[in-house]
């Protein structure tokens, strides 16, 4: 079933991360036509100083699968 990875800067509490994961699951479920409990979410904290190397470079290499807000409006 769907697995969603969220990468963001550090600083959120475990409770906030849990709330983010729950919200993502509940919103994706009807769109993907799957039960919310079949969706898994991984949340990775990426340090600001590592962001370009870890996220931006990978996204640039994988632009075919990258969705930004601008690309889906």
C-alpha atoms as a PDB file:
ATOM      1  CA  UNK A   1       0.000   0.000   0.000  1.00  0.00           C
ATOM      2  CA  UNK A   2       1.124   3.622  -0.134  1.00  0.00           C
ATOM      3  CA  UNK A   3       4.206   4.690   1.766  1.00  0.00           C
ATOM      4  CA  UNK A   4       4.900   8.397   2.101  1.00  0.00           C
ATOM      5  CA  UNK A   5       8.186   9.940   3.153  1.00  0.00           C
ATOM      6  CA  UNK A   6       8.259  13.392   4.715  1.00  0.00           C
ATOM      7  CA  UNK A   7      11.577  15.197   5.007  1.00  0.00           C
ATOM      8  CA  UNK A   8      11.747  18.417   6.966  1.00  0.00           C
ATOM      9  CA  UNK A   9      13.985  20.529   9.105  1.00  0.00           C
ATOM     10  CA  UNK A  10      14.336  19.348  12.715  1.00  0.00           C
ATOM     11  CA  UNK A  11      12.417  20.880  15.575  1.00  0.00           C
ATOM     12  CA  UNK A  12       9.036  19.143  15.703  1.00  0.00           C
ATOM     13  CA  UNK A  13       8.086  17.124  18.747  1.00  0.00           C
ATOM     14  CA  UNK A  14       7.124  13.454  18.437  1.00  0.00           C
ATOM     15  CA  UNK A  15       3.520  14.506  19.060  1.00  0.00           C
ATOM     16  CA  UNK A  16       3.593  16.960  16.144  1.00  0.00           C
ATOM     17  CA  UNK A  17       5.175  14.345  13.873  1.00  0.00           C
ATOM     18  CA  UNK A  18       2.446  11.888  14.848  1.00  0.00           C
ATOM     19  CA  UNK A  19      -0.205  14.512  14.030  1.00  0.00           C
ATOM     20  CA  UNK A  20       1.434  15.198  10.650  1.00  0.00           C
ATOM     21  CA  UNK A  21       1.529  11.473   9.851  1.00  0.00           C
ATOM     22  CA  UNK A  22      -2.132  11.035  10.839  1.00  0.00           C
ATOM     23  CA  UNK A  23      -3.221  14.009   8.724  1.00  0.00           C
ATOM     24  CA  UNK A  24      -1.269  12.741   5.713  1.00  0.00           C
ATOM     25  CA  UNK A  25      -2.790   9.263   6.052  1.00  0.00           C
ATOM     26  CA  UNK A  26      -6.340  10.584   6.389  1.00  0.00           C
ATOM     27  CA  UNK A  27      -6.025  12.930   3.405  1.00  0.00           C
ATOM     28  CA  UNK A  28      -4.262  10.486   1.090  1.00  0.00           C
ATOM     29  CA  UNK A  29      -6.561   7.529   1.807  1.00  0.00           C
ATOM     30  CA  UNK A  30      -9.619   8.734  -0.146  1.00  0.00           C
ATOM     31  CA  UNK A  31      -7.491  10.026  -3.017  1.00  0.00           C
ATOM     32  CA  UNK A  32      -5.565   6.755  -3.303  1.00  0.00           C
ATOM     33  CA  UNK A  33      -8.774   4.777  -2.657  1.00  0.00           C
ATOM     34  CA  UNK A  34      -7.203   2.776   0.148  1.00  0.00           C
ATOM     35  CA  UNK A  35      -7.940   2.547   3.863  1.00  0.00           C
ATOM     36  CA  UNK A  36      -5.999   5.029   5.994  1.00  0.00           C
ATOM     37  CA  UNK A  37      -4.628   2.183   8.095  1.00  0.00           C
ATOM     38  CA  UNK A  38      -2.910   0.724   5.027  1.00  0.00           C
ATOM     39  CA  UNK A  39      -0.744   3.831   4.591  1.00  0.00           C
ATOM     40  CA  UNK A  40       2.614   4.219   6.283  1.00  0.00           C
ATOM     41  CA  UNK A  41       4.535   7.444   6.799  1.00  0.00           C
ATOM     42  CA  UNK A  42       8.209   7.949   7.537  1.00  0.00           C
ATOM     43  CA  UNK A  43       9.347  11.344   8.806  1.00  0.00           C
ATOM     44  CA  UNK A  44      13.026  12.237   8.494  1.00  0.00           C
ATOM     45  CA  UNK A  45      14.613  15.277  10.096  1.00  0.00           C
ATOM     46  CA  UNK A  46      17.245  16.765   7.801  1.00  0.00           C
ATOM     47  CA  UNK A  47      19.626  19.307   9.299  1.00  0.00           C
ATOM     48  CA  UNK A  48      19.553  22.690   7.570  1.00  0.00           C
ATOM     49  CA  UNK A  49      23.237  22.442   6.690  1.00  0.00           C
ATOM     50  CA  UNK A  50      22.604  19.060   5.009  1.00  0.00           C
ATOM     51  CA  UNK A  51      19.389  20.015   3.198  1.00  0.00           C
ATOM     52  CA  UNK A  52      20.930  20.871  -0.193  1.00  0.00           C
ATOM     53  CA  UNK A  53      23.068  17.771  -0.306  1.00  0.00           C
ATOM     54  CA  UNK A  54      20.405  15.370   0.930  1.00  0.00           C
ATOM     55  CA  UNK A  55      17.187  16.740  -0.547  1.00  0.00           C
ATOM     56  CA  UNK A  56      17.791  19.284  -3.301  1.00  0.00           C
ATOM     57  CA  UNK A  57      20.418  17.248  -5.135  1.00  0.00           C
ATOM     58  CA  UNK A  58      18.282  14.104  -5.032  1.00  0.00           C
ATOM     59  CA  UNK A  59      15.166  15.981  -6.155  1.00  0.00           C
ATOM     60  CA  UNK A  60      17.081  17.490  -9.054  1.00  0.00           C
ATOM     61  CA  UNK A  61      18.094  13.990 -10.168  1.00  0.00           C
ATOM     62  CA  UNK A  62      14.526  12.691  -9.787  1.00  0.00           C
ATOM     63  CA  UNK A  63      12.509  15.581 -11.235  1.00  0.00           C
ATOM     64  CA  UNK A  64      10.220  13.156 -13.074  1.00  0.00           C
ATOM     65  CA  UNK A  65       8.773  12.018  -9.725  1.00  0.00           C
ATOM     66  CA  UNK A  66       8.931  15.340  -7.867  1.00  0.00           C
ATOM     67  CA  UNK A  67       5.697  17.198  -7.165  1.00  0.00           C
ATOM     68  CA  UNK A  68       5.803  20.786  -5.985  1.00  0.00           C
ATOM     69  CA  UNK A  69       2.830  22.954  -5.141  1.00  0.00           C
ATOM     70  CA  UNK A  70       3.406  24.913  -8.342  1.00  0.00           C
ATOM     71  CA  UNK A  71       3.405  21.757 -10.469  1.00  0.00           C
ATOM     72  CA  UNK A  72       0.052  20.516  -9.175  1.00  0.00           C
ATOM     73  CA  UNK A  73      -2.011  23.740  -9.053  1.00  0.00           C
END
